[in-house]
Amino acid sequence: MPYEDVLDQPEIQFDSEGDEDPFQTGEASQSMEQYISVNMLTKELREWIENVEETSPEIDKNLAERFKGHNNMFLSFNYTNTLEKWYEIDYTQVTHIHGFVDNETQVPDTIIFGHKDNDSYNMPAPSEEYMSDIDQETLKPVLDIISKHEYFYKKIMASNLKSLFFYGFSFSEVDSPYIEKILKSITTSKPII
């Protein structure tokens, strides 16, 4: 996420001789530091999810039919209960790998978001350091998340999985370890993907 796009960069402050004053610029960046935090970003994301105006989606009947079955397993990167609510999938079949927000039951769940790479910023020194700290805090701990959901991958190993389907998945680099783990967990010799 380009955080410098989210917030206005602090204006460079100048001393009485017209030279850049890094201390005054640093003071200006303090307001940014107080404004943005990982907890704030998580809270804002949760509030946005909770307040999205939900309308009844047009359900693809072929897809809904494919989703039926008690042996199906779902790994969802969606923060909502779309599969459970609109496709009537039993919640025990769905693993929300990054958590979810359920507006109906208001069950609190930790939601995880993040990215893979640290970025470098072209900003005044105090702001650049702070943005690097935010980047570090929002690195997605993919291996920890996979480990936390090891039960899902063990279910795949035990299931003799024959087919694997991807819907609405972006295949971004940050999420590739999840897919690699799924593929390594498949015990069937020639699954259909």
Protein backbone atom coordinates (compact mmCIF):
# COMPACT_ATOMS: atom_id res chain seq x y z
CA MET A 1 0.00 0.00 0.00
CA PRO A 2 1.51 3.33 -0.91
CA TYR A 3 1.04 4.99 2.47
CA GLU A 4 2.40 8.27 1.19
CA ASP A 5 -0.74 8.38 -0.97
CA VAL A 6 -2.98 7.92 2.08
CA LEU A 7 -1.59 10.85 3.98
CA ASP A 8 -0.29 14.21 2.95
CA GLN A 9 3.45 14.31 3.29
CA PRO A 10 4.57 16.88 5.81
CA GLU A 11 5.70 20.08 4.23
CA ILE A 12 9.43 20.63 4.32
CA GLN A 13 10.12 23.31 6.90
CA PHE A 14 12.76 25.99 6.33
CA ASP A 15 14.83 28.02 8.75
CA SER A 16 15.14 31.80 8.68
CA GLU A 17 17.95 31.58 6.11
CA GLY A 18 15.83 29.53 3.71
CA ASP A 19 17.61 26.22 4.34
CA GLU A 20 15.69 23.03 5.00
CA ASP A 21 15.20 22.51 8.75
CA PRO A 22 15.06 18.73 9.35
CA PHE A 23 14.02 19.20 12.98
CA GLN A 24 10.99 21.30 12.08
CA THR A 25 10.15 18.91 9.22
CA GLY A 26 10.40 16.06 11.73
CA GLU A 27 7.95 17.87 14.00
CA ALA A 28 5.51 18.09 11.08
CA SER A 29 5.89 14.37 10.46
CA GLN A 30 4.96 13.64 14.09
CA SER A 31 1.34 14.41 13.22
CA MET A 32 1.51 11.72 10.53
CA GLU A 33 3.00 9.27 13.01
CA GLN A 34 0.19 9.94 15.46
CA TYR A 35 -2.42 9.55 12.73
CA ILE A 36 -1.39 6.30 11.11
CA SER A 37 -0.78 2.98 12.80
CA VAL A 38 -1.40 -0.64 12.00
CA ASN A 39 -4.17 -0.74 14.59
CA MET A 40 -5.78 2.28 12.95
CA LEU A 41 -5.51 0.68 9.51
CA THR A 42 -7.04 -2.57 10.80
CA LYS A 43 -9.83 -0.64 12.53
CA GLU A 44 -10.55 1.35 9.37
CA LEU A 45 -10.62 -1.81 7.25
CA ARG A 46 -12.99 -3.53 9.71
CA GLU A 47 -15.30 -0.49 9.79
CA TRP A 48 -15.34 -0.34 6.01
CA ILE A 49 -16.25 -4.04 5.77
CA GLU A 50 -18.96 -3.63 8.39
CA ASN A 51 -20.46 -0.68 6.54
CA VAL A 52 -20.38 -1.97 2.99
CA GLU A 53 -23.93 -1.82 1.72
CA GLU A 54 -24.83 -5.41 1.16
CA THR A 55 -27.13 -6.30 -1.68
CA SER A 56 -28.23 -9.72 -2.77
CA PRO A 57 -25.73 -10.88 -5.38
CA GLU A 58 -26.71 -12.60 -8.58
CA ILE A 59 -25.91 -16.21 -7.73
CA ASP A 60 -24.35 -18.26 -10.50
CA LYS A 61 -26.43 -21.46 -10.40
CA ASN A 62 -23.65 -23.59 -11.88
CA LEU A 63 -21.24 -22.30 -9.30
CA ALA A 64 -23.74 -22.79 -6.47
CA GLU A 65 -24.28 -26.37 -7.62
CA ARG A 66 -20.53 -26.99 -7.72
CA PHE A 67 -20.20 -25.61 -4.18
CA LYS A 68 -22.72 -28.09 -2.76
CA GLY A 69 -21.42 -31.12 -0.96
CA HIS A 70 -20.27 -31.86 2.56
CA ASN A 71 -16.80 -32.97 1.42
CA ASN A 72 -15.96 -29.61 -0.15
CA MET A 73 -13.40 -27.37 1.56
CA PHE A 74 -13.03 -23.66 1.00
CA LEU A 75 -10.06 -21.42 1.66
CA SER A 76 -11.40 -17.90 1.62
CA PHE A 77 -9.35 -14.73 1.41
CA ASN A 78 -12.58 -12.72 1.64
CA TYR A 79 -13.23 -10.89 4.92
CA THR A 80 -16.98 -11.55 4.69
CA ASN A 81 -19.24 -14.55 5.08
CA THR A 82 -20.32 -14.53 1.42
CA LEU A 83 -19.92 -18.30 0.99
CA GLU A 84 -21.87 -19.10 4.12
CA LYS A 85 -24.63 -16.55 3.61
CA TRP A 86 -25.24 -16.47 -0.13
CA TYR A 87 -24.05 -19.93 -1.21
CA GLU A 88 -25.32 -21.66 1.95
CA ILE A 89 -21.98 -23.32 2.66
CA ASP A 90 -21.67 -24.74 6.16
CA TYR A 91 -19.26 -22.57 8.13
CA THR A 92 -17.25 -25.67 9.14
CA GLN A 93 -16.25 -26.08 5.48
CA VAL A 94 -14.82 -22.56 5.16
CA THR A 95 -11.41 -21.46 6.41
CA HIS A 96 -11.10 -17.69 6.43
CA ILE A 97 -7.32 -17.56 6.26
CA HIS A 98 -7.16 -13.82 7.06
CA GLY A 99 -10.17 -13.70 9.40
CA PHE A 100 -13.59 -12.29 8.65
CA VAL A 101 -16.19 -9.82 9.80
CA ASP A 102 -19.68 -11.20 10.40
CA ASN A 103 -22.16 -8.34 10.60
CA GLU A 104 -25.01 -10.58 11.73
CA THR A 105 -23.48 -12.32 14.73
CA GLN A 106 -20.90 -9.60 15.40
CA VAL A 107 -18.44 -12.36 16.30
CA PRO A 108 -15.14 -10.56 16.69
CA ASP A 109 -12.33 -12.04 14.65
CA THR A 110 -8.87 -10.76 14.02
CA ILE A 111 -8.46 -9.67 10.44
CA ILE A 112 -5.07 -9.81 8.79
CA PHE A 113 -3.90 -7.72 5.91
CA GLY A 114 -0.50 -6.87 4.63
CA HIS A 115 2.02 -7.13 1.88
CA LYS A 116 5.22 -8.95 0.98
CA ASP A 117 7.95 -6.42 0.25
CA ASN A 118 9.37 -3.46 2.05
CA ASP A 119 9.19 -0.32 -0.02
CA SER A 120 11.54 2.59 0.08
CA TYR A 121 10.17 6.09 0.27
CA ASN A 122 11.47 9.36 -1.06
CA MET A 123 10.43 11.51 1.85
CA PRO A 124 12.16 13.67 4.45
CA ALA A 125 14.24 11.50 6.81
CA PRO A 126 11.92 11.30 9.85
CA SER A 127 8.90 10.51 7.67
CA GLU A 128 10.79 7.98 5.56
CA GLU A 129 11.93 6.17 8.71
CA TYR A 130 8.39 6.14 10.08
CA MET A 131 6.93 4.84 6.80
CA SER A 132 9.55 2.08 6.78
CA ASP A 133 8.41 1.16 10.30
CA ILE A 134 4.79 0.98 9.11
CA ASP A 135 5.89 -1.17 6.17
CA GLN A 136 7.66 -3.52 8.57
CA GLU A 137 4.60 -3.74 10.81
CA THR A 138 2.32 -4.59 7.88
CA LEU A 139 4.43 -7.36 6.39
CA LYS A 140 2.02 -10.26 6.18
CA PRO A 141 3.30 -13.14 8.36
CA VAL A 142 2.31 -15.74 5.76
CA LEU A 143 4.27 -18.65 7.24
CA ASP A 144 2.78 -18.00 10.69
CA ILE A 145 -0.71 -17.84 9.17
CA ILE A 146 -0.16 -21.13 7.34
CA SER A 147 1.08 -22.72 10.55
CA LYS A 148 -1.97 -21.43 12.46
CA HIS A 149 -4.26 -23.08 9.86
CA GLU A 150 -2.33 -26.34 9.56
CA TYR A 151 -5.59 -28.22 10.23
CA PHE A 152 -6.88 -27.05 6.82
CA TYR A 153 -3.89 -28.48 4.99
CA LYS A 154 -4.12 -31.72 6.98
CA LYS A 155 -7.77 -32.02 5.87
CA ILE A 156 -6.56 -31.73 2.27
CA MET A 157 -4.02 -34.51 2.81
CA ALA A 158 -6.66 -36.78 4.31
CA SER A 159 -9.33 -35.97 1.74
CA ASN A 160 -7.99 -37.63 -1.40
CA LEU A 161 -8.76 -34.34 -3.13
CA LYS A 162 -9.59 -34.79 -6.80
CA SER A 163 -10.31 -31.24 -7.98
CA LEU A 164 -9.07 -27.81 -7.03
CA PHE A 165 -10.89 -24.66 -8.15
CA PHE A 166 -9.90 -21.00 -7.85
CA TYR A 167 -12.54 -18.26 -7.96
CA GLY A 168 -11.81 -14.56 -7.70
CA PHE A 169 -8.23 -15.16 -6.58
CA SER A 170 -5.60 -12.72 -7.77
CA PHE A 171 -2.57 -15.02 -7.47
CA SER A 172 -0.51 -12.21 -6.02
CA GLU A 173 3.02 -13.01 -4.97
CA VAL A 174 2.30 -12.45 -1.28
CA ASP A 175 -0.32 -15.22 -1.31
CA SER A 176 1.65 -17.77 -3.35
CA PRO A 177 2.88 -19.67 -0.25
CA TYR A 178 -0.75 -20.59 0.55
CA ILE A 179 -1.19 -22.11 -2.89
CA GLU A 180 2.18 -23.86 -2.75
CA LYS A 181 1.16 -25.41 0.60
CA ILE A 182 -2.14 -26.59 -0.89
CA LEU A 183 -0.39 -28.16 -3.85
CA LYS A 184 2.11 -29.90 -1.56
CA SER A 185 -0.78 -31.19 0.58
CA ILE A 186 -2.60 -32.89 -2.29
CA THR A 187 -2.05 -36.63 -2.17
CA THR A 188 -3.98 -37.48 -5.33
CA SER A 189 -1.62 -38.31 -8.21
CA LYS A 190 -3.36 -36.23 -10.91
CA PRO A 191 -5.81 -33.71 -9.47
CA ILE A 192 -7.80 -31.48 -11.79
CA ILE A 193 -6.87 -27.85 -11.22
